[in-house]
Amino acid sequence: TVSDAQGAVLPGVTVTVTSPALIGVQ
């Protein structure tokens, strides 16, 4: 879950994962 400093949840945040185990980026 992604939230702001006050604890309110944040919709619309882009979360990107990278790893040598992946081909490309997700």
PDB file of all heavy atoms in Angstrom:
ATOM      1  N   THR A   1       0.855  -1.186   0.000  1.00  0.00           N
ATOM      2  CA  THR A   1       0.000   0.000   0.000  1.00  0.00           C
ATOM      3  C   THR A   1       0.888   1.233   0.000  1.00  0.00           C
ATOM      4  O   THR A   1       1.897   1.275   0.706  1.00  0.00           O
ATOM      5  CB  THR A   1      -0.901   0.017   1.247  1.00  0.00           C
ATOM      6  OG1 THR A   1      -1.668  -1.192   1.270  1.00  0.00           O
ATOM      7  CG2 THR A   1      -1.844   1.201   1.242  1.00  0.00           C
ATOM      8  N   VAL A   2       0.498   2.230  -0.778  1.00  0.00           N
ATOM      9  CA  VAL A   2       1.246   3.484  -0.845  1.00  0.00           C
ATOM     10  C   VAL A   2       0.390   4.576  -0.212  1.00  0.00           C
ATOM     11  O   VAL A   2      -0.797   4.705  -0.520  1.00  0.00           O
ATOM     12  CB  VAL A   2       1.599   3.855  -2.301  1.00  0.00           C
ATOM     13  CG1 VAL A   2       2.412   5.143  -2.328  1.00  0.00           C
ATOM     14  CG2 VAL A   2       2.363   2.728  -2.969  1.00  0.00           C
ATOM     15  N   SER A   3       1.003   5.344   0.681  1.00  0.00           N
ATOM     16  CA  SER A   3       0.287   6.419   1.365  1.00  0.00           C
ATOM     17  C   SER A   3       1.168   7.661   1.420  1.00  0.00           C
ATOM     18  O   SER A   3       2.347   7.622   1.083  1.00  0.00           O
ATOM     19  CB  SER A   3      -0.097   5.973   2.784  1.00  0.00           C
ATOM     20  OG  SER A   3       1.062   5.661   3.526  1.00  0.00           O
ATOM     21  N   ASP A   4       0.563   8.774   1.873  1.00  0.00           N
ATOM     22  CA  ASP A   4       1.343   9.990   2.056  1.00  0.00           C
ATOM     23  C   ASP A   4       1.875  10.024   3.490  1.00  0.00           C
ATOM     24  O   ASP A   4       1.683   9.085   4.258  1.00  0.00           O
ATOM     25  CB  ASP A   4       0.527  11.239   1.713  1.00  0.00           C
ATOM     26  CG  ASP A   4      -0.672  11.460   2.629  1.00  0.00           C
ATOM     27  OD1 ASP A   4      -0.803  10.758   3.655  1.00  0.00           O
ATOM     28  OD2 ASP A   4      -1.481  12.349   2.319  1.00  0.00           O
ATOM     29  N   ALA A   5       2.544  11.115   3.866  1.00  0.00           N
ATOM     30  CA  ALA A   5       3.176  11.208   5.191  1.00  0.00           C
ATOM     31  C   ALA A   5       2.154  11.173   6.326  1.00  0.00           C
ATOM     32  O   ALA A   5       2.481  10.788   7.450  1.00  0.00           O
ATOM     33  CB  ALA A   5       4.012  12.477   5.269  1.00  0.00           C
ATOM     34  N   GLN A   6       0.899  11.565   6.050  1.00  0.00           N
ATOM     35  CA  GLN A   6      -0.134  11.553   7.087  1.00  0.00           C
ATOM     36  C   GLN A   6      -0.877  10.218   7.150  1.00  0.00           C
ATOM     37  O   GLN A   6      -1.743  10.025   7.979  1.00  0.00           O
ATOM     38  CB  GLN A   6      -1.155  12.678   6.841  1.00  0.00           C
ATOM     39  CG  GLN A   6      -0.639  14.065   7.194  1.00  0.00           C
ATOM     40  CD  GLN A   6       0.364  14.587   6.185  1.00  0.00           C
ATOM     41  OE1 GLN A   6       0.235  14.337   4.988  1.00  0.00           O
ATOM     42  NE2 GLN A   6       1.375  15.287   6.660  1.00  0.00           N
ATOM     43  N   GLY A   7      -0.567   9.295   6.236  1.00  0.00           N
ATOM     44  CA  GLY A   7      -1.190   7.980   6.246  1.00  0.00           C
ATOM     45  C   GLY A   7      -2.369   7.830   5.298  1.00  0.00           C
ATOM     46  O   GLY A   7      -2.975   6.767   5.243  1.00  0.00           O
ATOM     47  N   ALA A   8      -2.723   8.889   4.556  1.00  0.00           N
ATOM     48  CA  ALA A   8      -3.815   8.783   3.585  1.00  0.00           C
ATOM     49  C   ALA A   8      -3.328   8.001   2.369  1.00  0.00           C
ATOM     50  O   ALA A   8      -2.227   8.230   1.872  1.00  0.00           O
ATOM     51  CB  ALA A   8      -4.281  10.183   3.162  1.00  0.00           C
ATOM     52  N   VAL A   9      -4.139   7.064   1.881  1.00  0.00           N
ATOM     53  CA  VAL A   9      -3.735   6.239   0.750  1.00  0.00           C
ATOM     54  C   VAL A   9      -3.650   7.079  -0.517  1.00  0.00           C
ATOM     55  O   VAL A   9      -4.342   8.085  -0.665  1.00  0.00           O
ATOM     56  CB  VAL A   9      -4.692   5.048   0.538  1.00  0.00           C
ATOM     57  CG1 VAL A   9      -4.633   4.108   1.719  1.00  0.00           C
ATOM     58  CG2 VAL A   9      -6.108   5.509   0.270  1.00  0.00           C
ATOM     59  N   LEU A  10      -2.760   6.671  -1.415  1.00  0.00           N
ATOM     60  CA  LEU A  10      -2.524   7.408  -2.657  1.00  0.00           C
ATOM     61  C   LEU A  10      -2.871   6.536  -3.869  1.00  0.00           C
ATOM     62  O   LEU A  10      -2.110   5.645  -4.236  1.00  0.00           O
ATOM     63  CB  LEU A  10      -1.059   7.846  -2.745  1.00  0.00           C
ATOM     64  CG  LEU A  10      -0.592   8.877  -1.730  1.00  0.00           C
ATOM     65  CD1 LEU A  10       0.906   9.098  -1.856  1.00  0.00           C
ATOM     66  CD2 LEU A  10      -1.346  10.178  -1.920  1.00  0.00           C
ATOM     67  N   PRO A  11      -3.998   6.798  -4.514  1.00  0.00           N
ATOM     68  CA  PRO A  11      -4.283   6.112  -5.774  1.00  0.00           C
ATOM     69  C   PRO A  11      -3.499   6.762  -6.907  1.00  0.00           C
ATOM     70  O   PRO A  11      -3.119   7.929  -6.824  1.00  0.00           O
ATOM     71  CB  PRO A  11      -5.795   6.326  -5.957  1.00  0.00           C
ATOM     72  CG  PRO A  11      -6.093   7.571  -5.199  1.00  0.00           C
ATOM     73  CD  PRO A  11      -5.104   7.630  -4.063  1.00  0.00           C
ATOM     74  N   GLY A  12      -3.238   6.000  -7.957  1.00  0.00           N
ATOM     75  CA  GLY A  12      -2.586   6.559  -9.138  1.00  0.00           C
ATOM     76  C   GLY A  12      -1.079   6.629  -9.086  1.00  0.00           C
ATOM     77  O   GLY A  12      -0.457   7.205  -9.968  1.00  0.00           O
ATOM     78  N   VAL A  13      -0.461   6.023  -8.084  1.00  0.00           N
ATOM     79  CA  VAL A  13       1.001   6.000  -7.994  1.00  0.00           C
ATOM     80  C   VAL A  13       1.527   4.939  -8.965  1.00  0.00           C
ATOM     81  O   VAL A  13       1.047   3.805  -8.973  1.00  0.00           O
ATOM     82  CB  VAL A  13       1.477   5.680  -6.558  1.00  0.00           C
ATOM     83  CG1 VAL A  13       2.995   5.579  -6.491  1.00  0.00           C
ATOM     84  CG2 VAL A  13       0.956   6.712  -5.579  1.00  0.00           C
ATOM     85  N   THR A  14       2.506   5.308  -9.778  1.00  0.00           N
ATOM     86  CA  THR A  14       3.133   4.339 -10.673  1.00  0.00           C
ATOM     87  C   THR A  14       4.217   3.601  -9.897  1.00  0.00           C
ATOM     88  O   THR A  14       5.129   4.224  -9.351  1.00  0.00           O
ATOM     89  CB  THR A  14       3.748   5.036 -11.895  1.00  0.00           C
ATOM     90  OG1 THR A  14       2.713   5.725 -12.596  1.00  0.00           O
ATOM     91  CG2 THR A  14       4.404   4.031 -12.829  1.00  0.00           C
ATOM     92  N   VAL A  15       4.091   2.276  -9.825  1.00  0.00           N
ATOM     93  CA  VAL A  15       5.069   1.436  -9.136  1.00  0.00           C
ATOM     94  C   VAL A  15       5.772   0.608 -10.212  1.00  0.00           C
ATOM     95  O   VAL A  15       5.125  -0.094 -10.980  1.00  0.00           O
ATOM     96  CB  VAL A  15       4.400   0.511  -8.099  1.00  0.00           C
ATOM     97  CG1 VAL A  15       5.448  -0.280  -7.334  1.00  0.00           C
ATOM     98  CG2 VAL A  15       3.522   1.308  -7.150  1.00  0.00           C
ATOM     99  N   THR A  16       7.108   0.726 -10.247  1.00  0.00           N
ATOM    100  CA  THR A  16       7.906   0.042 -11.257  1.00  0.00           C
ATOM    101  C   THR A  16       8.897  -0.882 -10.569  1.00  0.00           C
ATOM    102  O   THR A  16       9.534  -0.487  -9.598  1.00  0.00           O
ATOM    103  CB  THR A  16       8.663   1.068 -12.119  1.00  0.00           C
ATOM    104  OG1 THR A  16       7.718   1.996 -12.657  1.00  0.00           O
ATOM    105  CG2 THR A  16       9.415   0.403 -13.244  1.00  0.00           C
ATOM    106  N   VAL A  17       9.006  -2.128 -11.068  1.00  0.00           N
ATOM    107  CA  VAL A  17       9.993  -3.066 -10.535  1.00  0.00           C
ATOM    108  C   VAL A  17      10.998  -3.414 -11.630  1.00  0.00           C
ATOM    109  O   VAL A  17      10.641  -3.578 -12.790  1.00  0.00           O
ATOM    110  CB  VAL A  17       9.374  -4.365  -9.980  1.00  0.00           C
ATOM    111  CG1 VAL A  17       8.542  -4.097  -8.757  1.00  0.00           C
ATOM    112  CG2 VAL A  17       8.570  -5.090 -11.016  1.00  0.00           C
ATOM    113  N   THR A  18      12.252  -3.490 -11.217  1.00  0.00           N
ATOM    114  CA  THR A  18      13.326  -3.932 -12.110  1.00  0.00           C
ATOM    115  C   THR A  18      14.174  -4.946 -11.361  1.00  0.00           C
ATOM    116  O   THR A  18      14.283  -4.901 -10.136  1.00  0.00           O
ATOM    117  CB  THR A  18      14.220  -2.762 -12.571  1.00  0.00           C
ATOM    118  OG1 THR A  18      14.740  -2.094 -11.417  1.00  0.00           O
ATOM    119  CG2 THR A  18      13.444  -1.771 -13.418  1.00  0.00           C
ATOM    120  N   SER A  19      14.768  -5.862 -12.131  1.00  0.00           N
ATOM    121  CA  SER A  19      15.612  -6.887 -11.542  1.00  0.00           C
ATOM    122  C   SER A  19      16.368  -7.595 -12.652  1.00  0.00           C
ATOM    123  O   SER A  19      15.863  -7.708 -13.772  1.00  0.00           O
ATOM    124  CB  SER A  19      14.760  -7.906 -10.785  1.00  0.00           C
ATOM    125  OG  SER A  19      15.537  -9.008 -10.374  1.00  0.00           O
ATOM    126  N   PRO A  20      17.570  -8.103 -12.338  1.00  0.00           N
ATOM    127  CA  PRO A  20      18.241  -8.959 -13.312  1.00  0.00           C
ATOM    128  C   PRO A  20      17.440 -10.230 -13.612  1.00  0.00           C
ATOM    129  O   PRO A  20      17.607 -10.829 -14.663  1.00  0.00           O
ATOM    130  CB  PRO A  20      19.568  -9.305 -12.628  1.00  0.00           C
ATOM    131  CG  PRO A  20      19.784  -8.235 -11.621  1.00  0.00           C
ATOM    132  CD  PRO A  20      18.421  -7.816 -11.175  1.00  0.00           C
ATOM    133  N   ALA A  21      16.525 -10.615 -12.697  1.00  0.00           N
ATOM    134  CA  ALA A  21      15.707 -11.807 -12.905  1.00  0.00           C
ATOM    135  C   ALA A  21      14.593 -11.572 -13.925  1.00  0.00           C
ATOM    136  O   ALA A  21      13.998 -12.519 -14.423  1.00  0.00           O
ATOM    137  CB  ALA A  21      15.097 -12.257 -11.577  1.00  0.00           C
ATOM    138  N   LEU A  22      14.300 -10.299 -14.211  1.00  0.00           N
ATOM    139  CA  LEU A  22      13.246  -9.954 -15.168  1.00  0.00           C
ATOM    140  C   LEU A  22      13.827  -9.663 -16.535  1.00  0.00           C
ATOM    141  O   LEU A  22      14.942  -9.179 -16.658  1.00  0.00           O
ATOM    142  CB  LEU A  22      12.509  -8.686 -14.721  1.00  0.00           C
ATOM    143  CG  LEU A  22      11.486  -8.795 -13.636  1.00  0.00           C
ATOM    144  CD1 LEU A  22      10.924  -7.417 -13.314  1.00  0.00           C
ATOM    145  CD2 LEU A  22      10.363  -9.718 -14.030  1.00  0.00           C
ATOM    146  N   ILE A  23      13.022  -9.891 -17.540  1.00  0.00           N
ATOM    147  CA  ILE A  23      13.358  -9.410 -18.874  1.00  0.00           C
ATOM    148  C   ILE A  23      12.557  -8.136 -19.046  1.00  0.00           C
ATOM    149  O   ILE A  23      11.345  -8.171 -19.165  1.00  0.00           O
ATOM    150  CB  ILE A  23      12.988 -10.452 -19.946  1.00  0.00           C
ATOM    151  CG1 ILE A  23      13.786 -11.731 -19.740  1.00  0.00           C
ATOM    152  CG2 ILE A  23      13.199  -9.886 -21.338  1.00  0.00           C
ATOM    153  CD1 ILE A  23      13.389 -12.872 -20.637  1.00  0.00           C
ATOM    154  N   GLY A  24      13.222  -7.007 -18.998  1.00  0.00           N
ATOM    155  CA  GLY A  24      12.522  -5.732 -19.097  1.00  0.00           C
ATOM    156  C   GLY A  24      12.102  -5.202 -17.740  1.00  0.00           C
ATOM    157  O   GLY A  24      12.661  -5.554 -16.707  1.00  0.00           O
ATOM    158  N   VAL A  25      11.069  -4.356 -17.778  1.00  0.00           N
ATOM    159  CA  VAL A  25      10.573  -3.662 -16.588  1.00  0.00           C
ATOM    160  C   VAL A  25       9.084  -3.945 -16.471  1.00  0.00           C
ATOM    161  O   VAL A  25       8.383  -4.041 -17.468  1.00  0.00           O
ATOM    162  CB  VAL A  25      10.811  -2.141 -16.737  1.00  0.00           C
ATOM    163  CG1 VAL A  25      10.192  -1.372 -15.593  1.00  0.00           C
ATOM    164  CG2 VAL A  25      12.291  -1.840 -16.848  1.00  0.00           C
ATOM    165  N   GLN A  26       8.600  -4.085 -15.243  1.00  0.00           N
ATOM    166  CA  GLN A  26       7.165  -4.231 -15.019  1.00  0.00           C
ATOM    167  C   GLN A  26       6.675  -3.040 -14.212  1.00  0.00           C
ATOM    168  O   GLN A  26       7.339  -2.604 -13.268  1.00  0.00           O
ATOM    169  CB  GLN A  26       6.846  -5.520 -14.268  1.00  0.00           C
ATOM    170  CG  GLN A  26       7.021  -6.758 -15.105  1.00  0.00           C
ATOM    171  CD  GLN A  26       6.474  -7.997 -14.408  1.00  0.00           C
ATOM    172  OE1 GLN A  26       5.680  -7.919 -13.482  1.00  0.00           O
ATOM    173  NE2 GLN A  26       6.909  -9.150 -14.873  1.00  0.00           N
TER     174      GLN A  26
END
